[in-house]
N, C-alpha and C. Protein backbone atom coordinates (compact mmCIF):
# COMPACT_ATOMS: atom_id res chain seq x y z
N MET A 1 4.99 -20.82 11.66
CA MET A 1 3.74 -20.31 11.10
C MET A 1 3.37 -18.97 11.74
N ARG A 2 3.57 -18.88 13.06
CA ARG A 2 3.23 -17.66 13.77
C ARG A 2 4.09 -16.50 13.27
N ASN A 3 5.40 -16.73 13.08
CA ASN A 3 6.28 -15.68 12.61
C ASN A 3 5.91 -15.22 11.21
N ARG A 4 5.49 -16.16 10.34
CA ARG A 4 5.10 -15.80 8.98
C ARG A 4 3.84 -14.95 8.99
N THR A 5 2.88 -15.31 9.85
CA THR A 5 1.65 -14.52 9.96
C THR A 5 1.95 -13.13 10.49
N LEU A 6 2.84 -13.05 11.51
CA LEU A 6 3.21 -11.77 12.08
C LEU A 6 3.86 -10.89 11.02
N ARG A 7 4.72 -11.50 10.20
CA ARG A 7 5.40 -10.72 9.17
C ARG A 7 4.42 -10.16 8.16
N LYS A 8 3.39 -10.94 7.80
CA LYS A 8 2.38 -10.47 6.86
C LYS A 8 1.60 -9.31 7.47
N ILE A 9 1.30 -9.42 8.76
CA ILE A 9 0.57 -8.35 9.44
C ILE A 9 1.39 -7.07 9.42
N LEU A 10 2.67 -7.17 9.78
CA LEU A 10 3.53 -5.99 9.81
C LEU A 10 3.74 -5.42 8.42
N THR A 11 3.80 -6.29 7.43
CA THR A 11 3.97 -5.84 6.06
C THR A 11 2.82 -4.95 5.62
N ILE A 12 1.59 -5.36 5.90
CA ILE A 12 0.44 -4.56 5.50
C ILE A 12 0.45 -3.23 6.25
N GLY A 13 0.82 -3.28 7.53
CA GLY A 13 0.93 -2.05 8.28
C GLY A 13 1.94 -1.11 7.64
N SER A 14 3.03 -1.67 7.09
CA SER A 14 4.04 -0.86 6.43
C SER A 14 3.52 -0.25 5.15
N ALA A 15 2.74 -1.02 4.40
CA ALA A 15 2.15 -0.48 3.17
C ALA A 15 1.25 0.70 3.50
N LEU A 16 0.51 0.58 4.59
CA LEU A 16 -0.35 1.68 5.01
C LEU A 16 0.47 2.86 5.48
N ALA A 17 1.62 2.59 6.09
CA ALA A 17 2.49 3.68 6.52
C ALA A 17 2.97 4.48 5.32
N ILE A 18 3.27 3.78 4.23
CA ILE A 18 3.67 4.45 3.00
C ILE A 18 2.52 5.32 2.49
N ALA A 19 1.33 4.77 2.53
CA ALA A 19 0.16 5.53 2.08
C ALA A 19 -0.06 6.75 2.95
N ALA A 20 0.14 6.58 4.25
CA ALA A 20 -0.10 7.69 5.18
C ALA A 20 0.85 8.85 4.91
N GLY A 21 2.03 8.53 4.41
CA GLY A 21 3.00 9.59 4.13
C GLY A 21 3.00 10.03 2.69
N ALA A 22 1.96 9.65 1.95
CA ALA A 22 1.96 9.90 0.51
C ALA A 22 1.77 11.36 0.16
N SER A 23 1.00 12.09 0.98
CA SER A 23 0.76 13.49 0.64
C SER A 23 2.08 14.24 0.69
N GLY A 24 2.35 14.99 -0.35
CA GLY A 24 3.62 15.69 -0.43
C GLY A 24 4.62 14.97 -1.30
N CYS A 25 4.33 13.73 -1.67
CA CYS A 25 5.21 13.00 -2.57
C CYS A 25 4.84 13.36 -4.01
N ALA A 26 5.83 13.35 -4.90
CA ALA A 26 5.59 13.70 -6.30
C ALA A 26 4.70 12.66 -6.96
N SER A 27 4.93 11.40 -6.67
CA SER A 27 4.12 10.33 -7.27
C SER A 27 3.31 9.65 -6.18
N ASP A 28 2.02 9.51 -6.43
CA ASP A 28 1.12 8.93 -5.45
C ASP A 28 1.23 7.41 -5.50
N PRO A 29 1.55 6.74 -4.38
CA PRO A 29 1.68 5.29 -4.39
C PRO A 29 0.33 4.56 -4.36
N ILE A 30 -0.78 5.30 -4.30
CA ILE A 30 -2.10 4.68 -4.25
C ILE A 30 -2.84 4.95 -5.56
N ARG A 31 -3.39 3.90 -6.14
CA ARG A 31 -4.22 4.06 -7.33
C ARG A 31 -5.54 3.35 -7.09
N SER A 32 -6.59 3.79 -7.78
CA SER A 32 -7.90 3.17 -7.59
C SER A 32 -8.69 3.20 -8.90
N ASP A 33 -9.73 2.37 -8.95
CA ASP A 33 -10.62 2.35 -10.12
C ASP A 33 -11.94 1.73 -9.68
N TYR A 34 -12.99 2.00 -10.47
CA TYR A 34 -14.29 1.41 -10.17
C TYR A 34 -14.95 0.95 -11.47
N ASP A 35 -15.91 0.06 -11.32
CA ASP A 35 -16.64 -0.50 -12.46
C ASP A 35 -17.65 0.54 -12.96
N PRO A 36 -17.49 1.08 -14.15
CA PRO A 36 -18.41 2.12 -14.64
C PRO A 36 -19.80 1.58 -14.95
N THR A 37 -19.93 0.26 -15.03
CA THR A 37 -21.26 -0.32 -15.31
C THR A 37 -22.05 -0.60 -14.04
N ALA A 38 -21.41 -0.50 -12.87
CA ALA A 38 -22.11 -0.77 -11.61
C ALA A 38 -23.01 0.40 -11.23
N ASP A 39 -24.16 0.10 -10.68
CA ASP A 39 -25.09 1.13 -10.23
C ASP A 39 -24.86 1.38 -8.73
N PHE A 40 -24.01 2.35 -8.42
CA PHE A 40 -23.64 2.62 -7.04
C PHE A 40 -24.80 3.21 -6.24
N SER A 41 -25.83 3.68 -6.91
CA SER A 41 -27.00 4.21 -6.20
C SER A 41 -27.77 3.10 -5.49
N GLN A 42 -27.51 1.84 -5.85
CA GLN A 42 -28.19 0.70 -5.24
C GLN A 42 -27.48 0.21 -3.98
N TYR A 43 -26.34 0.80 -3.65
CA TYR A 43 -25.55 0.33 -2.51
C TYR A 43 -25.73 1.26 -1.30
N SER A 44 -26.24 0.72 -0.22
CA SER A 44 -26.37 1.52 1.00
C SER A 44 -25.93 0.77 2.26
N THR A 45 -25.67 -0.54 2.14
CA THR A 45 -25.24 -1.34 3.29
C THR A 45 -23.96 -2.10 2.94
N TYR A 46 -23.26 -2.55 3.98
CA TYR A 46 -21.99 -3.23 3.77
C TYR A 46 -21.72 -4.21 4.91
N ASN A 47 -20.76 -5.07 4.69
CA ASN A 47 -20.18 -5.91 5.73
C ASN A 47 -18.86 -6.43 5.21
N PHE A 48 -18.16 -7.21 6.03
CA PHE A 48 -16.84 -7.72 5.65
C PHE A 48 -16.92 -9.19 5.27
N PHE A 49 -16.04 -9.59 4.34
CA PHE A 49 -15.87 -11.01 4.09
C PHE A 49 -15.46 -11.68 5.39
N ALA A 50 -15.93 -12.91 5.61
CA ALA A 50 -15.61 -13.62 6.85
C ALA A 50 -14.11 -13.82 7.02
N ASP A 51 -13.38 -14.00 5.90
CA ASP A 51 -11.94 -14.24 5.98
C ASP A 51 -11.13 -13.07 5.47
N ALA A 52 -11.68 -11.84 5.58
CA ALA A 52 -10.95 -10.66 5.14
C ALA A 52 -9.65 -10.51 5.93
N GLY A 53 -8.60 -10.09 5.26
CA GLY A 53 -7.33 -9.89 5.92
C GLY A 53 -6.32 -10.97 5.61
N PRO A 54 -5.12 -10.87 6.17
CA PRO A 54 -4.03 -11.78 5.82
C PRO A 54 -4.13 -13.16 6.43
N GLU A 55 -4.91 -13.32 7.50
CA GLU A 55 -4.95 -14.61 8.18
C GLU A 55 -5.81 -15.60 7.42
N GLN A 56 -5.43 -16.85 7.45
CA GLN A 56 -6.20 -17.91 6.80
C GLN A 56 -6.89 -18.81 7.84
N THR A 57 -7.05 -18.30 9.04
CA THR A 57 -7.72 -19.05 10.10
C THR A 57 -8.81 -18.18 10.69
N ASN A 58 -9.52 -18.70 11.67
CA ASN A 58 -10.58 -17.93 12.31
C ASN A 58 -10.04 -16.89 13.29
N TYR A 59 -8.74 -16.99 13.59
CA TYR A 59 -8.14 -16.03 14.51
C TYR A 59 -8.02 -14.67 13.84
N GLN A 60 -8.48 -13.63 14.52
CA GLN A 60 -8.39 -12.28 13.97
C GLN A 60 -7.30 -11.52 14.70
N SER A 61 -6.27 -11.12 13.98
CA SER A 61 -5.13 -10.43 14.58
C SER A 61 -5.50 -9.02 15.01
N PHE A 62 -4.61 -8.41 15.79
CA PHE A 62 -4.81 -7.02 16.15
C PHE A 62 -4.85 -6.16 14.90
N PHE A 63 -3.99 -6.48 13.92
CA PHE A 63 -3.98 -5.72 12.68
C PHE A 63 -5.36 -5.74 12.02
N SER A 64 -5.94 -6.93 11.88
CA SER A 64 -7.24 -7.04 11.22
C SER A 64 -8.32 -6.28 12.01
N GLN A 65 -8.22 -6.31 13.33
CA GLN A 65 -9.17 -5.54 14.14
C GLN A 65 -9.03 -4.05 13.86
N TYR A 66 -7.78 -3.57 13.76
CA TYR A 66 -7.56 -2.16 13.45
C TYR A 66 -8.12 -1.82 12.07
N MET A 67 -7.90 -2.73 11.11
CA MET A 67 -8.38 -2.50 9.75
C MET A 67 -9.90 -2.44 9.69
N VAL A 68 -10.56 -3.39 10.34
CA VAL A 68 -12.02 -3.42 10.34
C VAL A 68 -12.57 -2.13 10.95
N ALA A 69 -11.97 -1.69 12.06
CA ALA A 69 -12.43 -0.47 12.72
C ALA A 69 -12.23 0.75 11.82
N ALA A 70 -11.06 0.84 11.17
CA ALA A 70 -10.77 2.00 10.32
C ALA A 70 -11.66 2.02 9.08
N ILE A 71 -11.87 0.87 8.45
CA ILE A 71 -12.73 0.81 7.26
C ILE A 71 -14.18 1.08 7.64
N THR A 72 -14.60 0.57 8.80
CA THR A 72 -15.96 0.84 9.28
C THR A 72 -16.19 2.35 9.40
N ARG A 73 -15.23 3.05 9.97
CA ARG A 73 -15.37 4.51 10.10
C ARG A 73 -15.52 5.17 8.73
N GLU A 74 -14.69 4.74 7.77
CA GLU A 74 -14.74 5.35 6.45
C GLU A 74 -16.06 5.07 5.74
N MET A 75 -16.56 3.83 5.85
CA MET A 75 -17.82 3.49 5.20
C MET A 75 -18.99 4.27 5.82
N GLU A 76 -19.00 4.34 7.14
CA GLU A 76 -20.11 5.02 7.81
C GLU A 76 -20.06 6.53 7.61
N MET A 77 -18.86 7.08 7.46
CA MET A 77 -18.73 8.51 7.12
C MET A 77 -19.39 8.81 5.78
N ARG A 78 -19.44 7.80 4.91
CA ARG A 78 -20.04 7.96 3.59
C ARG A 78 -21.50 7.53 3.56
N GLY A 79 -22.07 7.26 4.71
CA GLY A 79 -23.49 6.97 4.81
C GLY A 79 -23.88 5.51 4.75
N TYR A 80 -22.90 4.61 4.64
CA TYR A 80 -23.23 3.18 4.58
C TYR A 80 -23.46 2.64 5.99
N SER A 81 -24.38 1.68 6.10
CA SER A 81 -24.64 1.05 7.39
C SER A 81 -24.34 -0.44 7.29
N LYS A 82 -23.88 -0.99 8.40
CA LYS A 82 -23.51 -2.41 8.41
C LYS A 82 -24.76 -3.27 8.47
N SER A 83 -24.76 -4.38 7.72
CA SER A 83 -25.94 -5.23 7.62
C SER A 83 -25.52 -6.69 7.48
N ASN A 84 -26.38 -7.58 7.96
CA ASN A 84 -26.14 -9.02 7.76
C ASN A 84 -26.54 -9.46 6.35
N ASP A 85 -27.22 -8.57 5.63
CA ASP A 85 -27.57 -8.84 4.23
C ASP A 85 -27.09 -7.64 3.41
N PRO A 86 -25.77 -7.50 3.27
CA PRO A 86 -25.20 -6.27 2.72
C PRO A 86 -25.27 -6.18 1.20
N ASP A 87 -25.25 -4.94 0.73
CA ASP A 87 -25.12 -4.68 -0.71
C ASP A 87 -23.67 -4.84 -1.15
N LEU A 88 -22.75 -4.42 -0.27
CA LEU A 88 -21.33 -4.46 -0.56
C LEU A 88 -20.60 -5.32 0.46
N LEU A 89 -19.62 -6.08 0.00
CA LEU A 89 -18.72 -6.81 0.88
C LEU A 89 -17.32 -6.22 0.75
N VAL A 90 -16.65 -6.06 1.91
CA VAL A 90 -15.32 -5.46 1.94
C VAL A 90 -14.27 -6.55 2.15
N ASN A 91 -13.19 -6.45 1.37
CA ASN A 91 -12.06 -7.36 1.54
C ASN A 91 -10.78 -6.53 1.56
N PHE A 92 -9.74 -7.04 2.21
CA PHE A 92 -8.43 -6.38 2.19
C PHE A 92 -7.35 -7.44 2.35
N ASN A 93 -6.20 -7.17 1.76
CA ASN A 93 -5.10 -8.13 1.83
C ASN A 93 -3.81 -7.46 1.38
N ALA A 94 -2.71 -8.19 1.40
CA ALA A 94 -1.43 -7.66 0.95
C ALA A 94 -0.54 -8.79 0.46
N ILE A 95 0.41 -8.44 -0.41
CA ILE A 95 1.44 -9.38 -0.83
C ILE A 95 2.79 -8.75 -0.58
N LEU A 96 3.79 -9.59 -0.51
CA LEU A 96 5.15 -9.18 -0.18
C LEU A 96 6.09 -9.73 -1.25
N GLN A 97 6.97 -8.88 -1.78
CA GLN A 97 7.93 -9.33 -2.80
C GLN A 97 9.32 -8.83 -2.46
N GLU A 98 10.28 -9.74 -2.53
CA GLU A 98 11.67 -9.35 -2.36
C GLU A 98 12.21 -8.92 -3.72
N LYS A 99 12.86 -7.76 -3.78
CA LYS A 99 13.36 -7.23 -5.04
C LYS A 99 14.82 -6.82 -4.93
N THR A 100 15.46 -6.67 -6.09
CA THR A 100 16.86 -6.28 -6.17
C THR A 100 16.97 -4.99 -6.95
N ASP A 101 17.71 -4.03 -6.41
CA ASP A 101 17.94 -2.75 -7.07
C ASP A 101 19.42 -2.68 -7.46
N VAL A 102 19.70 -2.53 -8.75
CA VAL A 102 21.08 -2.43 -9.24
C VAL A 102 21.29 -1.05 -9.84
N ARG A 103 22.27 -0.32 -9.34
CA ARG A 103 22.54 1.03 -9.83
C ARG A 103 24.03 1.19 -10.11
N THR A 104 24.33 1.88 -11.21
CA THR A 104 25.72 2.20 -11.55
C THR A 104 25.91 3.69 -11.39
N THR A 105 26.92 4.08 -10.61
CA THR A 105 27.17 5.48 -10.33
C THR A 105 28.64 5.80 -10.58
N PRO A 106 28.97 7.08 -10.79
CA PRO A 106 30.38 7.45 -10.95
C PRO A 106 31.16 7.09 -9.70
N ALA A 107 32.39 6.65 -9.90
CA ALA A 107 33.24 6.30 -8.77
C ALA A 107 33.64 7.55 -8.00
N PRO A 108 33.99 7.42 -6.73
CA PRO A 108 34.45 8.58 -5.97
C PRO A 108 35.70 9.20 -6.57
N SER A 109 36.00 10.42 -6.16
CA SER A 109 37.20 11.10 -6.65
C SER A 109 38.44 10.25 -6.44
N TYR A 110 39.37 10.34 -7.38
CA TYR A 110 40.58 9.54 -7.28
C TYR A 110 41.65 10.24 -6.46
N GLY A 111 41.25 11.30 -5.75
CA GLY A 111 42.23 12.02 -4.95
C GLY A 111 42.48 11.38 -3.61
N GLY A 112 41.69 10.33 -3.23
CA GLY A 112 41.88 9.71 -1.92
C GLY A 112 41.72 8.22 -2.00
N GLY A 113 41.73 7.57 -0.85
CA GLY A 113 41.58 6.13 -0.81
C GLY A 113 42.72 5.42 -1.52
N TYR A 114 42.40 4.27 -2.10
CA TYR A 114 43.43 3.48 -2.78
C TYR A 114 44.13 4.27 -3.88
N TYR A 115 43.34 5.12 -4.59
CA TYR A 115 43.90 5.86 -5.71
C TYR A 115 44.55 7.18 -5.29
N GLY A 116 44.79 7.35 -3.99
CA GLY A 116 45.39 8.57 -3.50
C GLY A 116 46.77 8.84 -4.08
N TYR A 117 47.46 7.78 -4.51
CA TYR A 117 48.81 7.97 -5.04
C TYR A 117 48.81 8.83 -6.31
N ARG A 118 47.61 8.95 -6.95
CA ARG A 118 47.54 9.78 -8.16
C ARG A 118 47.45 11.27 -7.81
N GLY A 119 47.16 11.54 -6.56
CA GLY A 119 47.19 12.92 -6.08
C GLY A 119 46.16 13.83 -6.72
N GLY A 120 45.19 13.25 -7.44
CA GLY A 120 44.18 14.08 -8.08
C GLY A 120 44.68 14.84 -9.29
N PHE A 121 45.91 14.48 -9.78
CA PHE A 121 46.49 15.20 -10.91
C PHE A 121 45.96 14.70 -12.25
N TYR A 122 45.40 13.54 -12.28
CA TYR A 122 44.91 13.03 -13.55
C TYR A 122 43.74 12.08 -13.31
N ASP A 123 42.87 11.95 -14.32
CA ASP A 123 41.68 11.12 -14.26
C ASP A 123 41.82 9.98 -15.26
N PRO A 124 41.04 8.88 -15.07
CA PRO A 124 41.06 7.80 -16.06
C PRO A 124 40.40 8.25 -17.36
N TRP A 125 40.72 7.57 -18.46
CA TRP A 125 40.09 7.86 -19.74
C TRP A 125 38.63 7.42 -19.74
N GLY A 126 37.87 7.93 -20.72
CA GLY A 126 36.48 7.55 -20.84
C GLY A 126 36.30 6.06 -21.04
N GLY A 127 35.40 5.46 -20.29
CA GLY A 127 35.18 4.02 -20.39
C GLY A 127 36.11 3.21 -19.52
N TYR A 128 37.00 3.85 -18.79
CA TYR A 128 37.92 3.14 -17.90
C TYR A 128 37.12 2.31 -16.90
N GLY A 129 37.47 1.03 -16.75
CA GLY A 129 36.66 0.08 -15.99
C GLY A 129 36.43 0.46 -14.55
N TYR A 130 37.33 1.23 -13.95
CA TYR A 130 37.15 1.57 -12.56
C TYR A 130 36.57 2.96 -12.37
N GLY A 131 36.03 3.52 -13.47
CA GLY A 131 35.47 4.86 -13.38
C GLY A 131 34.05 4.88 -12.84
N THR A 132 33.43 3.70 -12.70
CA THR A 132 32.08 3.63 -12.15
C THR A 132 32.02 2.56 -11.07
N GLU A 133 30.98 2.64 -10.27
CA GLU A 133 30.75 1.63 -9.25
C GLU A 133 29.33 1.10 -9.38
N THR A 134 29.15 -0.19 -9.17
CA THR A 134 27.84 -0.82 -9.22
C THR A 134 27.40 -1.15 -7.81
N HIS A 135 26.20 -0.70 -7.45
CA HIS A 135 25.66 -0.93 -6.12
C HIS A 135 24.43 -1.84 -6.24
N VAL A 136 24.43 -2.92 -5.49
CA VAL A 136 23.32 -3.87 -5.49
C VAL A 136 22.70 -3.88 -4.10
N SER A 137 21.38 -3.67 -4.03
CA SER A 137 20.70 -3.69 -2.74
C SER A 137 19.43 -4.52 -2.83
N GLN A 138 19.09 -5.17 -1.74
CA GLN A 138 17.85 -5.95 -1.64
C GLN A 138 16.83 -5.13 -0.84
N TYR A 139 15.59 -5.18 -1.27
CA TYR A 139 14.55 -4.50 -0.52
C TYR A 139 13.23 -5.26 -0.65
N THR A 140 12.30 -4.93 0.22
CA THR A 140 10.99 -5.58 0.22
C THR A 140 9.95 -4.58 -0.25
N GLU A 141 9.11 -5.01 -1.19
CA GLU A 141 8.02 -4.18 -1.67
C GLU A 141 6.69 -4.78 -1.23
N GLY A 142 5.86 -3.96 -0.63
CA GLY A 142 4.54 -4.41 -0.19
C GLY A 142 3.45 -3.83 -1.07
N THR A 143 2.47 -4.64 -1.42
CA THR A 143 1.31 -4.18 -2.18
C THR A 143 0.06 -4.49 -1.37
N PHE A 144 -0.76 -3.47 -1.13
CA PHE A 144 -1.92 -3.58 -0.26
C PHE A 144 -3.18 -3.22 -1.03
N ASN A 145 -4.24 -4.02 -0.87
CA ASN A 145 -5.51 -3.80 -1.57
C ASN A 145 -6.67 -3.64 -0.60
N ILE A 146 -7.59 -2.75 -0.95
CA ILE A 146 -8.92 -2.73 -0.35
C ILE A 146 -9.91 -2.90 -1.50
N ASP A 147 -10.81 -3.89 -1.39
CA ASP A 147 -11.79 -4.18 -2.43
C ASP A 147 -13.21 -3.99 -1.91
N LEU A 148 -14.08 -3.47 -2.76
CA LEU A 148 -15.52 -3.48 -2.50
C LEU A 148 -16.17 -4.35 -3.57
N VAL A 149 -17.00 -5.29 -3.11
CA VAL A 149 -17.59 -6.29 -3.99
C VAL A 149 -19.11 -6.23 -3.92
N ASP A 150 -19.75 -6.25 -5.08
CA ASP A 150 -21.21 -6.34 -5.13
C ASP A 150 -21.59 -7.72 -4.59
N ALA A 151 -22.26 -7.75 -3.44
CA ALA A 151 -22.53 -9.01 -2.75
C ALA A 151 -23.46 -9.93 -3.53
N ARG A 152 -24.40 -9.37 -4.25
CA ARG A 152 -25.35 -10.21 -4.97
C ARG A 152 -24.80 -10.72 -6.30
N ARG A 153 -24.08 -9.84 -6.99
CA ARG A 153 -23.50 -10.25 -8.26
C ARG A 153 -22.14 -10.93 -8.10
N LYS A 154 -21.57 -10.83 -6.89
CA LYS A 154 -20.24 -11.38 -6.61
C LYS A 154 -19.22 -10.83 -7.61
N LYS A 155 -19.21 -9.51 -7.70
CA LYS A 155 -18.35 -8.85 -8.68
C LYS A 155 -17.66 -7.65 -8.04
N LEU A 156 -16.36 -7.53 -8.28
CA LEU A 156 -15.60 -6.39 -7.80
C LEU A 156 -16.12 -5.12 -8.45
N VAL A 157 -16.40 -4.09 -7.62
CA VAL A 157 -16.89 -2.82 -8.18
C VAL A 157 -15.95 -1.65 -7.89
N TRP A 158 -15.06 -1.79 -6.90
CA TRP A 158 -14.07 -0.74 -6.61
C TRP A 158 -12.88 -1.36 -5.93
N GLU A 159 -11.70 -0.84 -6.26
CA GLU A 159 -10.50 -1.26 -5.54
C GLU A 159 -9.55 -0.08 -5.42
N ALA A 160 -8.75 -0.12 -4.36
CA ALA A 160 -7.65 0.82 -4.19
C ALA A 160 -6.41 -0.01 -3.86
N VAL A 161 -5.30 0.33 -4.50
CA VAL A 161 -4.07 -0.44 -4.36
C VAL A 161 -2.93 0.50 -4.00
N GLY A 162 -2.19 0.16 -2.96
CA GLY A 162 -1.03 0.94 -2.57
C GLY A 162 0.22 0.09 -2.63
N THR A 163 1.29 0.64 -3.20
CA THR A 163 2.54 -0.09 -3.34
C THR A 163 3.70 0.78 -2.87
N GLY A 164 4.65 0.19 -2.17
CA GLY A 164 5.82 0.94 -1.74
C GLY A 164 6.83 0.07 -1.03
N ARG A 165 8.01 0.62 -0.82
CA ARG A 165 9.07 -0.10 -0.12
C ARG A 165 8.76 -0.18 1.37
N ILE A 166 9.20 -1.27 1.96
CA ILE A 166 8.97 -1.53 3.38
C ILE A 166 10.27 -1.34 4.14
N SER A 167 10.23 -0.64 5.25
CA SER A 167 11.40 -0.50 6.11
C SER A 167 11.03 -0.89 7.53
N GLN A 168 12.03 -1.23 8.32
CA GLN A 168 11.78 -1.62 9.71
C GLN A 168 11.13 -0.48 10.49
N LYS A 169 11.52 0.74 10.18
CA LYS A 169 10.99 1.88 10.90
C LYS A 169 9.48 1.99 10.75
N MET A 170 8.98 1.55 9.58
CA MET A 170 7.55 1.63 9.31
C MET A 170 6.74 0.60 10.07
N LEU A 171 7.43 -0.34 10.71
CA LEU A 171 6.72 -1.41 11.41
C LEU A 171 6.28 -1.01 12.81
N GLU A 172 6.65 0.20 13.22
CA GLU A 172 6.27 0.68 14.54
C GLU A 172 4.91 1.37 14.50
N GLU A 173 4.28 1.45 15.63
CA GLU A 173 3.01 2.17 15.79
C GLU A 173 1.97 1.71 14.77
N LEU A 174 1.70 0.40 14.78
CA LEU A 174 0.82 -0.21 13.79
C LEU A 174 -0.58 0.40 13.77
N GLU A 175 -1.19 0.54 14.94
CA GLU A 175 -2.56 1.07 14.97
C GLU A 175 -2.63 2.48 14.41
N GLU A 176 -1.66 3.32 14.79
CA GLU A 176 -1.64 4.68 14.29
C GLU A 176 -1.43 4.71 12.78
N ARG A 177 -0.58 3.80 12.27
CA ARG A 177 -0.34 3.74 10.83
C ARG A 177 -1.60 3.32 10.07
N VAL A 178 -2.32 2.35 10.62
CA VAL A 178 -3.57 1.91 9.98
C VAL A 178 -4.56 3.06 9.96
N ASN A 179 -4.70 3.75 11.09
CA ASN A 179 -5.67 4.84 11.18
C ASN A 179 -5.33 6.00 10.25
N ALA A 180 -4.04 6.19 9.99
CA ALA A 180 -3.62 7.25 9.07
C ALA A 180 -3.68 6.80 7.62
N GLY A 181 -3.45 5.51 7.37
CA GLY A 181 -3.36 5.01 6.01
C GLY A 181 -4.69 4.74 5.34
N VAL A 182 -5.63 4.13 6.06
CA VAL A 182 -6.91 3.75 5.45
C VAL A 182 -7.65 4.95 4.86
N PRO A 183 -7.70 6.11 5.52
CA PRO A 183 -8.37 7.26 4.89
C PRO A 183 -7.74 7.67 3.57
N LYS A 184 -6.43 7.44 3.40
CA LYS A 184 -5.77 7.77 2.13
C LYS A 184 -6.34 6.92 1.00
N PHE A 185 -6.64 5.66 1.31
CA PHE A 185 -7.23 4.78 0.30
C PHE A 185 -8.66 5.22 -0.02
N PHE A 186 -9.44 5.49 1.02
CA PHE A 186 -10.84 5.85 0.80
C PHE A 186 -11.00 7.27 0.24
N ALA A 187 -9.95 8.07 0.29
CA ALA A 187 -10.01 9.37 -0.37
C ALA A 187 -10.16 9.20 -1.87
N LYS A 188 -9.87 7.99 -2.37
CA LYS A 188 -10.01 7.69 -3.80
C LYS A 188 -11.40 7.15 -4.13
N TYR A 189 -12.24 6.90 -3.13
CA TYR A 189 -13.56 6.32 -3.37
C TYR A 189 -14.55 7.44 -3.70
N PRO A 190 -15.16 7.45 -4.89
CA PRO A 190 -15.91 8.62 -5.34
C PRO A 190 -17.42 8.61 -5.07
N PHE A 191 -17.91 7.71 -4.22
CA PHE A 191 -19.35 7.62 -4.02
C PHE A 191 -19.74 7.73 -2.55
N THR A 192 -21.01 8.06 -2.31
CA THR A 192 -21.60 7.98 -0.99
C THR A 192 -22.80 7.04 -1.08
N ALA A 193 -23.29 6.59 0.07
CA ALA A 193 -24.39 5.62 0.09
C ALA A 193 -25.60 6.13 -0.66
N GLY A 194 -26.14 5.28 -1.55
CA GLY A 194 -27.35 5.60 -2.27
C GLY A 194 -27.18 6.59 -3.40
N SER A 195 -25.94 6.98 -3.70
CA SER A 195 -25.69 7.94 -4.77
C SER A 195 -24.86 7.29 -5.87
N GLY A 196 -25.32 7.40 -7.09
CA GLY A 196 -24.57 6.85 -8.21
C GLY A 196 -23.77 7.89 -8.95
N VAL A 197 -23.72 9.11 -8.41
CA VAL A 197 -22.98 10.20 -9.06
C VAL A 197 -21.62 10.34 -8.39
N PRO A 198 -20.54 10.08 -9.13
CA PRO A 198 -19.21 10.18 -8.52
C PRO A 198 -18.88 11.62 -8.14
N ILE A 199 -18.22 11.76 -7.01
CA ILE A 199 -17.77 13.07 -6.55
C ILE A 199 -16.29 13.18 -6.86
N THR A 200 -15.77 14.39 -6.80
CA THR A 200 -14.35 14.61 -7.04
C THR A 200 -13.56 13.99 -5.91
N THR A 201 -12.56 13.17 -6.26
CA THR A 201 -11.74 12.51 -5.25
C THR A 201 -10.34 13.09 -5.24
N GLU A 202 -9.60 12.77 -4.17
CA GLU A 202 -8.22 13.24 -4.02
C GLU A 202 -7.36 12.69 -5.14
N LYS A 203 -6.56 13.55 -5.74
CA LYS A 203 -5.64 13.13 -6.79
C LYS A 203 -4.32 12.67 -6.22
């Protein structure tokens, strides 16, 4: 059980690492949306769900502590204050999926290796069975969410979702990755406390 929990913690950290490196990528791995019927001018306070994060127990991991601290900074930068009777409740979580990538590519030149006896003097005909190679690889994809919920109506009003491949290298420096990744998600949040007018957000 401990190893499974640890893996979930590292997975979310990896998703944030992907988000942290998103600037400069052609396609943004983070998407967000908000409820157009919600009156964001009524929201000025926030707090966290009691069971926010990947753990299903009362134990709060280092990862969840890093997340709470990073999200707290982002909310307070936007003018929200923490309250025991909040307007907004914050939740975050992640899922992990094992996937298979199958690719067909042209075979290497026939001038070497097993086919070296051909000396590069001739090529196979079109459609020749050994003219291509199929590569199969397994990889892990992580999907990470941050949700803001109207506490009184118990309704989701904003979410940001990040998706990307997970690598072992991304599992290092968890706190730094969280601190770099969470602002990327909140760059998509278009409101400040007490204001119902959306501002221009990062594309």
